[in-house]
Amino acid sequence: SRDTAKNTMYLQMNSLKPEDTAVYYCALAPYYYSSSFY
């Protein structure tokens, strides 16, 4: 999700599993992507 007024993005992570262990990075792209966002 995002709060546009605060220019802040969030990731609510529930039911976490050990396989979710990682360094999590946020990233910004200049355009909308419909199929190559990954």
PDB file of all heavy atoms in Angstrom:
ATOM      1  N   SER A   1       0.839  -1.187   0.000  1.00  0.00           N
ATOM      2  CA  SER A   1       0.000   0.000   0.000  1.00  0.00           C
ATOM      3  C   SER A   1       0.876   1.240   0.000  1.00  0.00           C
ATOM      4  O   SER A   1       2.094   1.147   0.144  1.00  0.00           O
ATOM      5  CB  SER A   1      -0.950   0.012   1.203  1.00  0.00           C
ATOM      6  OG  SER A   1      -0.223   0.072   2.420  1.00  0.00           O
ATOM      7  N   ARG A   2       0.246   2.398  -0.173  1.00  0.00           N
ATOM      8  CA  ARG A   2       1.001   3.635  -0.114  1.00  0.00           C
ATOM      9  C   ARG A   2       0.139   4.747   0.451  1.00  0.00           C
ATOM     10  O   ARG A   2      -1.088   4.729   0.340  1.00  0.00           O
ATOM     11  CB  ARG A   2       1.566   4.032  -1.488  1.00  0.00           C
ATOM     12  CG  ARG A   2       0.633   4.850  -2.385  1.00  0.00           C
ATOM     13  CD  ARG A   2      -0.486   4.023  -2.943  1.00  0.00           C
ATOM     14  NE  ARG A   2      -1.195   4.700  -4.025  1.00  0.00           N
ATOM     15  CZ  ARG A   2      -2.504   4.832  -4.090  1.00  0.00           C
ATOM     16  NH1 ARG A   2      -3.281   4.285  -3.135  1.00  0.00           N
ATOM     17  NH2 ARG A   2      -3.060   5.455  -5.109  1.00  0.00           N
ATOM     18  N   ASP A   3       0.795   5.710   1.073  1.00  0.00           N
ATOM     19  CA  ASP A   3       0.175   6.925   1.561  1.00  0.00           C
ATOM     20  C   ASP A   3       0.717   8.046   0.690  1.00  0.00           C
ATOM     21  O   ASP A   3       1.869   8.460   0.846  1.00  0.00           O
ATOM     22  CB  ASP A   3       0.506   7.146   3.034  1.00  0.00           C
ATOM     23  CG  ASP A   3      -0.208   8.336   3.633  1.00  0.00           C
ATOM     24  OD1 ASP A   3      -0.553   9.277   2.896  1.00  0.00           O
ATOM     25  OD2 ASP A   3      -0.417   8.341   4.863  1.00  0.00           O
ATOM     26  N   THR A   4      -0.080   8.531  -0.243  1.00  0.00           N
ATOM     27  CA  THR A   4       0.394   9.523  -1.197  1.00  0.00           C
ATOM     28  C   THR A   4       0.752  10.843  -0.518  1.00  0.00           C
ATOM     29  O   THR A   4       1.649  11.552  -0.970  1.00  0.00           O
ATOM     30  CB  THR A   4      -0.646   9.768  -2.294  1.00  0.00           C
ATOM     31  OG1 THR A   4      -1.881  10.188  -1.717  1.00  0.00           O
ATOM     32  CG2 THR A   4      -0.885   8.500  -3.099  1.00  0.00           C
ATOM     33  N   ALA A   5       0.054  11.190   0.543  1.00  0.00           N
ATOM     34  CA  ALA A   5       0.339  12.435   1.241  1.00  0.00           C
ATOM     35  C   ALA A   5       1.700  12.410   1.918  1.00  0.00           C
ATOM     36  O   ALA A   5       2.329  13.449   2.103  1.00  0.00           O
ATOM     37  CB  ALA A   5      -0.751  12.737   2.262  1.00  0.00           C
ATOM     38  N   LYS A   6       2.155  11.229   2.297  1.00  0.00           N
ATOM     39  CA  LYS A   6       3.434  11.082   2.987  1.00  0.00           C
ATOM     40  C   LYS A   6       4.548  10.562   2.096  1.00  0.00           C
ATOM     41  O   LYS A   6       5.678  10.402   2.567  1.00  0.00           O
ATOM     42  CB  LYS A   6       3.275  10.149   4.182  1.00  0.00           C
ATOM     43  CG  LYS A   6       2.356  10.674   5.259  1.00  0.00           C
ATOM     44  CD  LYS A   6       2.276   9.699   6.420  1.00  0.00           C
ATOM     45  CE  LYS A   6       1.403  10.250   7.533  1.00  0.00           C
ATOM     46  NZ  LYS A   6       1.314   9.304   8.682  1.00  0.00           N
ATOM     47  N   ASN A   7       4.244  10.291   0.822  1.00  0.00           N
ATOM     48  CA  ASN A   7       5.232   9.701  -0.090  1.00  0.00           C
ATOM     49  C   ASN A   7       5.858   8.447   0.520  1.00  0.00           C
ATOM     50  O   ASN A   7       7.074   8.234   0.439  1.00  0.00           O
ATOM     51  CB  ASN A   7       6.325  10.709  -0.441  1.00  0.00           C
ATOM     52  CG  ASN A   7       6.053  11.438  -1.744  1.00  0.00           C
ATOM     53  OD1 ASN A   7       4.915  11.570  -2.178  1.00  0.00           O
ATOM     54  ND2 ASN A   7       7.115  11.924  -2.375  1.00  0.00           N
ATOM     55  N   THR A   8       5.028   7.621   1.101  1.00  0.00           N
ATOM     56  CA  THR A   8       5.506   6.451   1.817  1.00  0.00           C
ATOM     57  C   THR A   8       4.769   5.199   1.355  1.00  0.00           C
ATOM     58  O   THR A   8       3.550   5.216   1.209  1.00  0.00           O
ATOM     59  CB  THR A   8       5.333   6.629   3.332  1.00  0.00           C
ATOM     60  OG1 THR A   8       6.069   7.779   3.764  1.00  0.00           O
ATOM     61  CG2 THR A   8       5.846   5.410   4.081  1.00  0.00           C
ATOM     62  N   MET A   9       5.530   4.137   1.146  1.00  0.00           N
ATOM     63  CA  MET A   9       4.995   2.844   0.758  1.00  0.00           C
ATOM     64  C   MET A   9       5.151   1.875   1.927  1.00  0.00           C
ATOM     65  O   MET A   9       6.106   1.965   2.698  1.00  0.00           O
ATOM     66  CB  MET A   9       5.743   2.315  -0.469  1.00  0.00           C
ATOM     67  CG  MET A   9       5.295   0.947  -0.946  1.00  0.00           C
ATOM     68  SD  MET A   9       6.186   0.403  -2.434  1.00  0.00           S
ATOM     69  CE  MET A   9       7.858   0.217  -1.803  1.00  0.00           C
ATOM     70  N   TYR A  10       4.221   0.938   2.030  1.00  0.00           N
ATOM     71  CA  TYR A  10       4.221  -0.028   3.117  1.00  0.00           C
ATOM     72  C   TYR A  10       4.103  -1.444   2.576  1.00  0.00           C
ATOM     73  O   TYR A  10       3.594  -1.678   1.477  1.00  0.00           O
ATOM     74  CB  TYR A  10       3.056   0.229   4.072  1.00  0.00           C
ATOM     75  CG  TYR A  10       3.013   1.633   4.620  1.00  0.00           C
ATOM     76  CD1 TYR A  10       2.294   2.628   3.968  1.00  0.00           C
ATOM     77  CD2 TYR A  10       3.692   1.959   5.784  1.00  0.00           C
ATOM     78  CE1 TYR A  10       2.253   3.918   4.467  1.00  0.00           C
ATOM     79  CE2 TYR A  10       3.667   3.241   6.290  1.00  0.00           C
ATOM     80  CZ  TYR A  10       2.941   4.217   5.630  1.00  0.00           C
ATOM     81  OH  TYR A  10       2.905   5.499   6.130  1.00  0.00           O
ATOM     82  N   LEU A  11       4.556  -2.381   3.373  1.00  0.00           N
ATOM     83  CA  LEU A  11       4.353  -3.792   3.077  1.00  0.00           C
ATOM     84  C   LEU A  11       3.885  -4.479   4.354  1.00  0.00           C
ATOM     85  O   LEU A  11       4.688  -4.743   5.254  1.00  0.00           O
ATOM     86  CB  LEU A  11       5.637  -4.447   2.555  1.00  0.00           C
ATOM     87  CG  LEU A  11       5.494  -5.899   2.110  1.00  0.00           C
ATOM     88  CD1 LEU A  11       4.594  -6.000   0.875  1.00  0.00           C
ATOM     89  CD2 LEU A  11       6.857  -6.527   1.826  1.00  0.00           C
ATOM     90  N   GLN A  12       2.604  -4.736   4.436  1.00  0.00           N
ATOM     91  CA  GLN A  12       2.053  -5.469   5.562  1.00  0.00           C
ATOM     92  C   GLN A  12       2.293  -6.952   5.336  1.00  0.00           C
ATOM     93  O   GLN A  12       1.773  -7.533   4.384  1.00  0.00           O
ATOM     94  CB  GLN A  12       0.556  -5.195   5.709  1.00  0.00           C
ATOM     95  CG  GLN A  12      -0.103  -5.943   6.855  1.00  0.00           C
ATOM     96  CD  GLN A  12       0.393  -5.478   8.201  1.00  0.00           C
ATOM     97  OE1 GLN A  12       0.378  -4.288   8.494  1.00  0.00           O
ATOM     98  NE2 GLN A  12       0.851  -6.419   9.031  1.00  0.00           N
ATOM     99  N   MET A  13       3.076  -7.569   6.197  1.00  0.00           N
ATOM    100  CA  MET A  13       3.451  -8.966   6.067  1.00  0.00           C
ATOM    101  C   MET A  13       2.831  -9.747   7.214  1.00  0.00           C
ATOM    102  O   MET A  13       3.192  -9.548   8.376  1.00  0.00           O
ATOM    103  CB  MET A  13       4.966  -9.135   6.062  1.00  0.00           C
ATOM    104  CG  MET A  13       5.671  -8.328   4.975  1.00  0.00           C
ATOM    105  SD  MET A  13       7.435  -8.734   4.835  1.00  0.00           S
ATOM    106  CE  MET A  13       8.027  -8.077   6.398  1.00  0.00           C
ATOM    107  N   ASN A  14       1.898 -10.616   6.887  1.00  0.00           N
ATOM    108  CA  ASN A  14       1.234 -11.454   7.865  1.00  0.00           C
ATOM    109  C   ASN A  14       1.583 -12.920   7.622  1.00  0.00           C
ATOM    110  O   ASN A  14       2.050 -13.295   6.550  1.00  0.00           O
ATOM    111  CB  ASN A  14      -0.282 -11.274   7.791  1.00  0.00           C
ATOM    112  CG  ASN A  14      -0.729  -9.875   8.129  1.00  0.00           C
ATOM    113  OD1 ASN A  14      -0.132  -9.199   8.965  1.00  0.00           O
ATOM    114  ND2 ASN A  14      -1.808  -9.429   7.485  1.00  0.00           N
ATOM    115  N   SER A  15       1.326 -13.740   8.621  1.00  0.00           N
ATOM    116  CA  SER A  15       1.582 -15.184   8.526  1.00  0.00           C
ATOM    117  C   SER A  15       2.981 -15.469   8.014  1.00  0.00           C
ATOM    118  O   SER A  15       3.190 -16.290   7.118  1.00  0.00           O
ATOM    119  CB  SER A  15       0.536 -15.843   7.622  1.00  0.00           C
ATOM    120  OG  SER A  15      -0.774 -15.626   8.110  1.00  0.00           O
ATOM    121  N   LEU A  16       3.943 -14.801   8.603  1.00  0.00           N
ATOM    122  CA  LEU A  16       5.316 -14.913   8.131  1.00  0.00           C
ATOM    123  C   LEU A  16       5.862 -16.322   8.326  1.00  0.00           C
ATOM    124  O   LEU A  16       5.556 -16.998   9.315  1.00  0.00           O
ATOM    125  CB  LEU A  16       6.203 -13.901   8.844  1.00  0.00           C
ATOM    126  CG  LEU A  16       6.070 -12.469   8.315  1.00  0.00           C
ATOM    127  CD1 LEU A  16       6.645 -11.476   9.314  1.00  0.00           C
ATOM    128  CD2 LEU A  16       6.770 -12.338   6.966  1.00  0.00           C
ATOM    129  N   LYS A  17       6.674 -16.734   7.363  1.00  0.00           N
ATOM    130  CA  LYS A  17       7.302 -18.047   7.357  1.00  0.00           C
ATOM    131  C   LYS A  17       8.814 -17.886   7.380  1.00  0.00           C
ATOM    132  O   LYS A  17       9.334 -16.865   6.939  1.00  0.00           O
ATOM    133  CB  LYS A  17       6.899 -18.827   6.100  1.00  0.00           C
ATOM    134  CG  LYS A  17       5.412 -18.958   5.879  1.00  0.00           C
ATOM    135  CD  LYS A  17       5.132 -19.612   4.536  1.00  0.00           C
ATOM    136  CE  LYS A  17       3.643 -19.729   4.282  1.00  0.00           C
ATOM    137  NZ  LYS A  17       3.374 -20.355   2.965  1.00  0.00           N
ATOM    138  N   PRO A  18       9.543 -18.894   7.848  1.00  0.00           N
ATOM    139  CA  PRO A  18      11.008 -18.803   7.806  1.00  0.00           C
ATOM    140  C   PRO A  18      11.550 -18.521   6.405  1.00  0.00           C
ATOM    141  O   PRO A  18      12.572 -17.843   6.275  1.00  0.00           O
ATOM    142  CB  PRO A  18      11.455 -20.174   8.320  1.00  0.00           C
ATOM    143  CG  PRO A  18      10.356 -20.590   9.242  1.00  0.00           C
ATOM    144  CD  PRO A  18       9.090 -20.084   8.594  1.00  0.00           C
ATOM    145  N   GLU A  19      10.887 -19.000   5.371  1.00  0.00           N
ATOM    146  CA  GLU A  19      11.331 -18.760   4.008  1.00  0.00           C
ATOM    147  C   GLU A  19      11.188 -17.305   3.580  1.00  0.00           C
ATOM    148  O   GLU A  19      11.705 -16.921   2.529  1.00  0.00           O
ATOM    149  CB  GLU A  19      10.578 -19.663   3.028  1.00  0.00           C
ATOM    150  CG  GLU A  19       9.080 -19.396   2.969  1.00  0.00           C
ATOM    151  CD  GLU A  19       8.311 -20.503   2.267  1.00  0.00           C
ATOM    152  OE1 GLU A  19       8.094 -21.554   2.909  1.00  0.00           O
ATOM    153  OE2 GLU A  19       7.949 -20.326   1.090  1.00  0.00           O
ATOM    154  N   ASP A  20      10.490 -16.494   4.364  1.00  0.00           N
ATOM    155  CA  ASP A  20      10.400 -15.067   4.090  1.00  0.00           C
ATOM    156  C   ASP A  20      11.630 -14.305   4.578  1.00  0.00           C
ATOM    157  O   ASP A  20      11.754 -13.105   4.307  1.00  0.00           O
ATOM    158  CB  ASP A  20       9.155 -14.465   4.753  1.00  0.00           C
ATOM    159  CG  ASP A  20       7.871 -15.018   4.179  1.00  0.00           C
ATOM    160  OD1 ASP A  20       7.778 -15.164   2.945  1.00  0.00           O
ATOM    161  OD2 ASP A  20       6.943 -15.301   4.978  1.00  0.00           O
ATOM    162  N   THR A  21      12.504 -14.971   5.303  1.00  0.00           N
ATOM    163  CA  THR A  21      13.709 -14.326   5.810  1.00  0.00           C
ATOM    164  C   THR A  21      14.563 -13.819   4.652  1.00  0.00           C
ATOM    165  O   THR A  21      14.929 -14.580   3.752  1.00  0.00           O
ATOM    166  CB  THR A  21      14.518 -15.298   6.676  1.00  0.00           C
ATOM    167  OG1 THR A  21      13.761 -15.639   7.839  1.00  0.00           O
ATOM    168  CG2 THR A  21      15.830 -14.669   7.117  1.00  0.00           C
ATOM    169  N   ALA A  22      14.870 -12.535   4.665  1.00  0.00           N
ATOM    170  CA  ALA A  22      15.621 -11.908   3.584  1.00  0.00           C
ATOM    171  C   ALA A  22      15.847 -10.451   3.926  1.00  0.00           C
ATOM    172  O   ALA A  22      15.262  -9.916   4.873  1.00  0.00           O
ATOM    173  CB  ALA A  22      14.863 -12.009   2.253  1.00  0.00           C
ATOM    174  N   VAL A  23      16.695  -9.810   3.135  1.00  0.00           N
ATOM    175  CA  VAL A  23      16.771  -8.357   3.142  1.00  0.00           C
ATOM    176  C   VAL A  23      15.724  -7.852   2.163  1.00  0.00           C
ATOM    177  O   VAL A  23      15.705  -8.260   0.999  1.00  0.00           O
ATOM    178  CB  VAL A  23      18.169  -7.848   2.755  1.00  0.00           C
ATOM    179  CG1 VAL A  23      18.185  -6.323   2.704  1.00  0.00           C
ATOM    180  CG2 VAL A  23      19.209  -8.350   3.750  1.00  0.00           C
ATOM    181  N   TYR A  24      14.867  -6.971   2.620  1.00  0.00           N
ATOM    182  CA  TYR A  24      13.802  -6.431   1.797  1.00  0.00           C
ATOM    183  C   TYR A  24      14.184  -5.040   1.318  1.00  0.00           C
ATOM    184  O   TYR A  24      14.573  -4.180   2.108  1.00  0.00           O
ATOM    185  CB  TYR A  24      12.490  -6.374   2.587  1.00  0.00           C
ATOM    186  CG  TYR A  24      11.826  -7.722   2.704  1.00  0.00           C
ATOM    187  CD1 TYR A  24      12.384  -8.713   3.497  1.00  0.00           C
ATOM    188  CD2 TYR A  24      10.656  -8.006   2.010  1.00  0.00           C
ATOM    189  CE1 TYR A  24      11.801  -9.967   3.590  1.00  0.00           C
ATOM    190  CE2 TYR A  24      10.058  -9.251   2.105  1.00  0.00           C
ATOM    191  CZ  TYR A  24      10.638 -10.225   2.894  1.00  0.00           C
ATOM    192  OH  TYR A  24      10.044 -11.459   2.986  1.00  0.00           O
ATOM    193  N   TYR A  25      14.063  -4.827   0.004  1.00  0.00           N
ATOM    194  CA  TYR A  25      14.425  -3.571  -0.629  1.00  0.00           C
ATOM    195  C   TYR A  25      13.205  -2.931  -1.266  1.00  0.00           C
ATOM    196  O   TYR A  25      12.431  -3.606  -1.943  1.00  0.00           O
ATOM    197  CB  TYR A  25      15.464  -3.792  -1.732  1.00  0.00           C
ATOM    198  CG  TYR A  25      16.776  -4.366  -1.267  1.00  0.00           C
ATOM    199  CD1 TYR A  25      16.986  -5.737  -1.237  1.00  0.00           C
ATOM    200  CD2 TYR A  25      17.812  -3.528  -0.865  1.00  0.00           C
ATOM    201  CE1 TYR A  25      18.196  -6.269  -0.818  1.00  0.00           C
ATOM    202  CE2 TYR A  25      19.022  -4.049  -0.451  1.00  0.00           C
ATOM    203  CZ  TYR A  25      19.207  -5.416  -0.428  1.00  0.00           C
ATOM    204  OH  TYR A  25      20.412  -5.935  -0.019  1.00  0.00           O
ATOM    205  N   CYS A  26      13.051  -1.631  -1.090  1.00  0.00           N
ATOM    206  CA  CYS A  26      12.053  -0.906  -1.851  1.00  0.00           C
ATOM    207  C   CYS A  26      12.712  -0.290  -3.076  1.00  0.00           C
ATOM    208  O   CYS A  26      13.914  -0.012  -3.088  1.00  0.00           O
ATOM    209  CB  CYS A  26      11.350   0.157  -1.007  1.00  0.00           C
ATOM    210  SG  CYS A  26      12.387   1.500  -0.388  1.00  0.00           S
ATOM    211  N   ALA A  27      11.918  -0.094  -4.123  1.00  0.00           N
ATOM    212  CA  ALA A  27      12.446   0.372  -5.397  1.00  0.00           C
ATOM    213  C   ALA A  27      11.438   1.280  -6.088  1.00  0.00           C
ATOM    214  O   ALA A  27      10.226   1.124  -5.914  1.00  0.00           O
ATOM    215  CB  ALA A  27      12.784  -0.817  -6.299  1.00  0.00           C
ATOM    216  N   LEU A  28      11.956   2.208  -6.895  1.00  0.00           N
ATOM    217  CA  LEU A  28      11.143   3.193  -7.602  1.00  0.00           C
ATOM    218  C   LEU A  28      11.443   3.146  -9.087  1.00  0.00           C
ATOM    219  O   LEU A  28      12.605   3.188  -9.492  1.00  0.00           O
ATOM    220  CB  LEU A  28      11.450   4.589  -7.054  1.00  0.00           C
ATOM    221  CG  LEU A  28      10.826   5.783  -7.780  1.00  0.00           C
ATOM    222  CD1 LEU A  28       9.316   5.764  -7.648  1.00  0.00           C
ATOM    223  CD2 LEU A  28      11.397   7.089  -7.231  1.00  0.00           C
ATOM    224  N   ALA A  29      10.400   3.062  -9.901  1.00  0.00           N
ATOM    225  CA  ALA A  29      10.510   3.090 -11.351  1.00  0.00           C
ATOM    226  C   ALA A  29       9.803   4.319 -11.892  1.00  0.00           C
ATOM    227  O   ALA A  29       8.817   4.781 -11.308  1.00  0.00           O
ATOM    228  CB  ALA A  29       9.907   1.831 -11.968  1.00  0.00           C
ATOM    229  N   PRO A  30      10.255   4.859 -13.036  1.00  0.00           N
ATOM    230  CA  PRO A  30       9.689   6.115 -13.540  1.00  0.00           C
ATOM    231  C   PRO A  30       8.333   5.991 -14.213  1.00  0.00           C
ATOM    232  O   PRO A  30       7.667   7.009 -14.408  1.00  0.00           O
ATOM    233  CB  PRO A  30      10.743   6.594 -14.544  1.00  0.00           C
ATOM    234  CG  PRO A  30      11.399   5.346 -15.015  1.00  0.00           C
ATOM    235  CD  PRO A  30      11.423   4.439 -13.823  1.00  0.00           C
ATOM    236  N   TYR A  31       7.920   4.795 -14.576  1.00  0.00           N
ATOM    237  CA  TYR A  31       6.688   4.605 -15.316  1.00  0.00           C
ATOM    238  C   TYR A  31       5.851   3.493 -14.718  1.00  0.00           C
ATOM    239  O   TYR A  31       6.333   2.677 -13.928  1.00  0.00           O
ATOM    240  CB  TYR A  31       6.989   4.261 -16.784  1.00  0.00           C
ATOM    241  CG  TYR A  31       7.872   5.258 -17.481  1.00  0.00           C
ATOM    242  CD1 TYR A  31       9.175   4.927 -17.828  1.00  0.00           C
ATOM    243  CD2 TYR A  31       7.401   6.524 -17.791  1.00  0.00           C
ATOM    244  CE1 TYR A  31       9.989   5.843 -18.468  1.00  0.00           C
ATOM    245  CE2 TYR A  31       8.211   7.445 -18.428  1.00  0.00           C
ATOM    246  CZ  TYR A  31       9.502   7.098 -18.759  1.00  0.00           C
ATOM    247  OH  TYR A  31      10.309   8.012 -19.395  1.00  0.00           O
ATOM    248  N   TYR A  32       4.586   3.448 -15.116  1.00  0.00           N
ATOM    249  CA  TYR A  32       3.748   2.301 -14.828  1.00  0.00           C
ATOM    250  C   TYR A  32       4.213   1.115 -15.660  1.00  0.00           C
ATOM    251  O   TYR A  32       4.542   1.262 -16.836  1.00  0.00           O
ATOM    252  CB  TYR A  32       2.287   2.585 -15.168  1.00  0.00           C
ATOM    253  CG  TYR A  32       1.583   3.588 -14.296  1.00  0.00           C
ATOM    254  CD1 TYR A  32       0.630   4.443 -14.853  1.00  0.00           C
ATOM    255  CD2 TYR A  32       1.828   3.679 -12.940  1.00  0.00           C
ATOM    256  CE1 TYR A  32      -0.040   5.363 -14.067  1.00  0.00           C
ATOM    257  CE2 TYR A  32       1.164   4.603 -12.156  1.00  0.00           C
ATOM    258  CZ  TYR A  32       0.235   5.438 -12.717  1.00  0.00           C
ATOM    259  OH  TYR A  32      -0.437   6.353 -11.938  1.00  0.00           O
ATOM    260  N   TYR A  33       4.204  -0.056 -15.066  1.00  0.00           N
ATOM    261  CA  TYR A  33       4.525  -1.287 -15.777  1.00  0.00           C
ATOM    262  C   TYR A  33       3.407  -2.288 -15.542  1.00  0.00           C
ATOM    263  O   TYR A  33       3.072  -2.581 -14.389  1.00  0.00           O
ATOM    264  CB  TYR A  33       5.856  -1.866 -15.320  1.00  0.00           C
ATOM    265  CG  TYR A  33       7.038  -1.019 -15.725  1.00  0.00           C
ATOM    266  CD1 TYR A  33       7.662  -0.180 -14.817  1.00  0.00           C
ATOM    267  CD2 TYR A  33       7.518  -1.061 -17.029  1.00  0.00           C
ATOM    268  CE1 TYR A  33       8.735   0.604 -15.188  1.00  0.00           C
ATOM    269  CE2 TYR A  33       8.590  -0.276 -17.408  1.00  0.00           C
ATOM    270  CZ  TYR A  33       9.194   0.550 -16.492  1.00  0.00           C
ATOM    271  OH  TYR A  33      10.262   1.330 -16.873  1.00  0.00           O
ATOM    272  N   SER A  34       2.867  -2.811 -16.652  1.00  0.00           N
ATOM    273  CA  SER A  34       1.772  -3.770 -16.566  1.00  0.00           C
ATOM    274  C   SER A  34       2.245  -5.211 -16.587  1.00  0.00           C
ATOM    275  O   SER A  34       1.554  -6.094 -16.082  1.00  0.00           O
ATOM    276  CB  SER A  34       0.789  -3.555 -17.717  1.00  0.00           C
ATOM    277  OG  SER A  34       0.207  -2.274 -17.646  1.00  0.00           O
ATOM    278  N   SER A  35       3.409  -5.468 -17.178  1.00  0.00           N
ATOM    279  CA  SER A  35       3.872  -6.834 -17.328  1.00  0.00           C
ATOM    280  C   SER A  35       5.341  -7.040 -16.986  1.00  0.00           C
ATOM    281  O   SER A  35       5.796  -8.177 -16.907  1.00  0.00           O
ATOM    282  CB  SER A  35       3.627  -7.339 -18.749  1.00  0.00           C
ATOM    283  OG  SER A  35       4.305  -6.543 -19.692  1.00  0.00           O
ATOM    284  N   SER A  36       6.093  -5.970 -16.781  1.00  0.00           N
ATOM    285  CA  SER A  36       7.510  -6.100 -16.486  1.00  0.00           C
ATOM    286  C   SER A  36       7.885  -5.486 -15.139  1.00  0.00           C
ATOM    287  O   SER A  36       9.045  -5.137 -14.909  1.00  0.00           O
ATOM    288  CB  SER A  36       8.348  -5.479 -17.603  1.00  0.00           C
ATOM    289  OG  SER A  36       8.019  -4.117 -17.786  1.00  0.00           O
ATOM    290  N   PHE A  37       6.946  -5.396 -14.237  1.00  0.00           N
ATOM    291  CA  PHE A  37       7.179  -4.811 -12.925  1.00  0.00           C
ATOM    292  C   PHE A  37       8.086  -5.676 -12.063  1.00  0.00           C
ATOM    293  O   PHE A  37       8.595  -5.211 -11.040  1.00  0.00           O
ATOM    294  CB  PHE A  37       5.844  -4.588 -12.206  1.00  0.00           C
ATOM    295  CG  PHE A  37       4.924  -5.767 -12.288  1.00  0.00           C
ATOM    296  CD1 PHE A  37       5.091  -6.845 -11.442  1.00  0.00           C
ATOM    297  CD2 PHE A  37       3.904  -5.800 -13.220  1.00  0.00           C
ATOM    298  CE1 PHE A  37       4.257  -7.943 -11.520  1.00  0.00           C
ATOM    299  CE2 PHE A  37       3.057  -6.897 -13.314  1.00  0.00           C
ATOM    300  CZ  PHE A  37       3.240  -7.968 -12.461  1.00  0.00           C
ATOM    301  N   TYR A  38       8.254  -6.932 -12.447  1.00  0.00           N
ATOM    302  CA  TYR A  38       9.058  -7.875 -11.688  1.00  0.00           C
ATOM    303  C   TYR A  38      10.547  -7.782 -12.005  1.00  0.00           C
ATOM    304  O   TYR A  38      11.351  -8.451 -11.347  1.00  0.00           O
ATOM    305  CB  TYR A  38       8.588  -9.306 -11.955  1.00  0.00           C
ATOM    306  CG  TYR A  38       8.633  -9.694 -13.411  1.00  0.00           C
ATOM    307  CD1 TYR A  38       9.779 -10.241 -13.967  1.00  0.00           C
ATOM    308  CD2 TYR A  38       7.526  -9.486 -14.233  1.00  0.00           C
ATOM    309  CE1 TYR A  38       9.824 -10.568 -15.306  1.00  0.00           C
ATOM    310  CE2 TYR A  38       7.566  -9.815 -15.574  1.00  0.00           C
ATOM    311  CZ  TYR A  38       8.719 -10.359 -16.109  1.00  0.00           C
ATOM    312  OH  TYR A  38       8.757 -10.686 -17.445  1.00  0.00           O
TER     313      TYR A  38
END
